[in-house]
Amino acid sequence: MAKKARKKSAAKRGKKSKPAKKKKAAKRVTRRKAKRKTIGERLSRGYHTVVDTVKGTDRLRNKLEPPGTSETA
């Protein structure tokens, strides 16, 4: 039975290159400047952030230990 021929290395067999892709023209992106927030909007947003945080903390505390239960009882 004849021996199977070994594969030639990449350098000897001539590496085939892939065809180059065409580059698309880059689109220019123009961004609008964000509308400036008034002092009232900034205060309101800060207030709502604090309220939401407190409510979230309260919800988590009640989930871990429902109200009406205590460690001493």
C-alpha atoms as a PDB file:
ATOM      1  CA  MET A   1       0.000   0.000   0.000  1.00  0.00           C
ATOM      2  CA  ALA A   2       1.360   3.420  -0.976  1.00  0.00           C
ATOM      3  CA  LYS A   3       2.163   6.021   1.621  1.00  0.00           C
ATOM      4  CA  LYS A   4      -0.100   9.032   1.771  1.00  0.00           C
ATOM      5  CA  ALA A   5       1.658  12.236   0.686  1.00  0.00           C
ATOM      6  CA  ARG A   6       2.308  14.839   3.400  1.00  0.00           C
ATOM      7  CA  LYS A   7       0.628  18.202   3.114  1.00  0.00           C
ATOM      8  CA  LYS A   8       2.856  20.978   1.825  1.00  0.00           C
ATOM      9  CA  SER A   9       3.529  23.920   4.136  1.00  0.00           C
ATOM     10  CA  ALA A  10       1.712  27.190   3.508  1.00  0.00           C
ATOM     11  CA  ALA A  11       4.855  28.824   2.104  1.00  0.00           C
ATOM     12  CA  LYS A  12       5.393  26.115  -0.501  1.00  0.00           C
ATOM     13  CA  ARG A  13       1.833  25.765  -1.741  1.00  0.00           C
ATOM     14  CA  GLY A  14       1.291  29.516  -2.146  1.00  0.00           C
ATOM     15  CA  LYS A  15      -1.161  31.075   0.266  1.00  0.00           C
ATOM     16  CA  LYS A  16      -4.351  32.337  -1.409  1.00  0.00           C
ATOM     17  CA  SER A  17      -5.360  35.817  -0.373  1.00  0.00           C
ATOM     18  CA  LYS A  18      -8.951  36.937   0.028  1.00  0.00           C
ATOM     19  CA  PRO A  19     -10.183  39.692  -2.284  1.00  0.00           C
ATOM     20  CA  ALA A  20     -10.036  43.143  -0.702  1.00  0.00           C
ATOM     21  CA  LYS A  21     -13.351  44.630   0.438  1.00  0.00           C
ATOM     22  CA  LYS A  22     -14.453  47.996  -0.840  1.00  0.00           C
ATOM     23  CA  LYS A  23     -14.570  50.683   1.828  1.00  0.00           C
ATOM     24  CA  LYS A  24     -17.784  52.637   2.230  1.00  0.00           C
ATOM     25  CA  ALA A  25     -17.674  56.398   2.428  1.00  0.00           C
ATOM     26  CA  ALA A  26     -17.937  57.491   6.057  1.00  0.00           C
ATOM     27  CA  LYS A  27     -21.048  59.478   6.895  1.00  0.00           C
ATOM     28  CA  ARG A  28     -20.626  62.626   8.896  1.00  0.00           C
ATOM     29  CA  VAL A  29     -22.602  62.520  12.091  1.00  0.00           C
ATOM     30  CA  THR A  30     -23.791  65.822  13.428  1.00  0.00           C
ATOM     31  CA  ARG A  31     -24.969  65.828  16.994  1.00  0.00           C
ATOM     32  CA  ARG A  32     -27.405  68.278  18.405  1.00  0.00           C
ATOM     33  CA  LYS A  33     -26.416  70.034  21.536  1.00  0.00           C
ATOM     34  CA  ALA A  34     -28.485  68.849  24.479  1.00  0.00           C
ATOM     35  CA  LYS A  35     -30.997  71.333  25.796  1.00  0.00           C
ATOM     36  CA  ARG A  36     -29.682  72.969  28.922  1.00  0.00           C
ATOM     37  CA  LYS A  37     -31.534  72.012  32.072  1.00  0.00           C
ATOM     38  CA  THR A  38     -32.997  74.767  34.185  1.00  0.00           C
ATOM     39  CA  ILE A  39     -32.344  74.932  37.908  1.00  0.00           C
ATOM     40  CA  GLY A  40     -35.903  73.756  38.579  1.00  0.00           C
ATOM     41  CA  GLU A  41     -35.423  70.691  36.372  1.00  0.00           C
ATOM     42  CA  ARG A  42     -32.123  69.842  38.042  1.00  0.00           C
ATOM     43  CA  LEU A  43     -33.604  70.172  41.543  1.00  0.00           C
ATOM     44  CA  SER A  44     -36.637  68.135  40.550  1.00  0.00           C
ATOM     45  CA  ARG A  45     -34.487  65.370  39.106  1.00  0.00           C
ATOM     46  CA  GLY A  46     -32.313  65.284  42.228  1.00  0.00           C
ATOM     47  CA  TYR A  47     -35.384  65.127  44.467  1.00  0.00           C
ATOM     48  CA  HIS A  48     -36.896  62.259  42.477  1.00  0.00           C
ATOM     49  CA  THR A  49     -33.586  60.378  42.586  1.00  0.00           C
ATOM     50  CA  VAL A  50     -33.490  60.612  46.393  1.00  0.00           C
ATOM     51  CA  VAL A  51     -37.150  59.586  46.738  1.00  0.00           C
ATOM     52  CA  ASP A  52     -36.701  56.602  44.408  1.00  0.00           C
ATOM     53  CA  THR A  53     -33.585  55.504  46.322  1.00  0.00           C
ATOM     54  CA  VAL A  54     -35.401  55.669  49.673  1.00  0.00           C
ATOM     55  CA  LYS A  55     -38.382  53.760  48.288  1.00  0.00           C
ATOM     56  CA  GLY A  56     -36.086  51.121  46.794  1.00  0.00           C
ATOM     57  CA  THR A  57     -34.252  50.710  50.090  1.00  0.00           C
ATOM     58  CA  ASP A  58     -37.552  50.382  51.941  1.00  0.00           C
ATOM     59  CA  ARG A  59     -38.789  47.773  49.469  1.00  0.00           C
ATOM     60  CA  LEU A  60     -35.599  45.758  49.875  1.00  0.00           C
ATOM     61  CA  ARG A  61     -35.777  45.952  53.677  1.00  0.00           C
ATOM     62  CA  ASN A  62     -39.407  44.742  53.652  1.00  0.00           C
ATOM     63  CA  LYS A  63     -38.502  41.927  51.276  1.00  0.00           C
ATOM     64  CA  LEU A  64     -35.764  40.678  53.608  1.00  0.00           C
ATOM     65  CA  GLU A  65     -37.813  41.108  56.768  1.00  0.00           C
ATOM     66  CA  PRO A  66     -41.558  41.834  56.376  1.00  0.00           C
ATOM     67  CA  PRO A  67     -42.925  44.578  58.623  1.00  0.00           C
ATOM     68  CA  GLY A  68     -44.507  43.356  61.867  1.00  0.00           C
ATOM     69  CA  THR A  69     -41.819  40.755  62.543  1.00  0.00           C
ATOM     70  CA  SER A  70     -39.035  41.506  64.967  1.00  0.00           C
ATOM     71  CA  GLU A  71     -36.008  39.676  66.278  1.00  0.00           C
ATOM     72  CA  THR A  72     -37.127  39.951  69.915  1.00  0.00           C
ATOM     73  CA  ALA A  73     -40.525  38.325  69.407  1.00  0.00           C
END
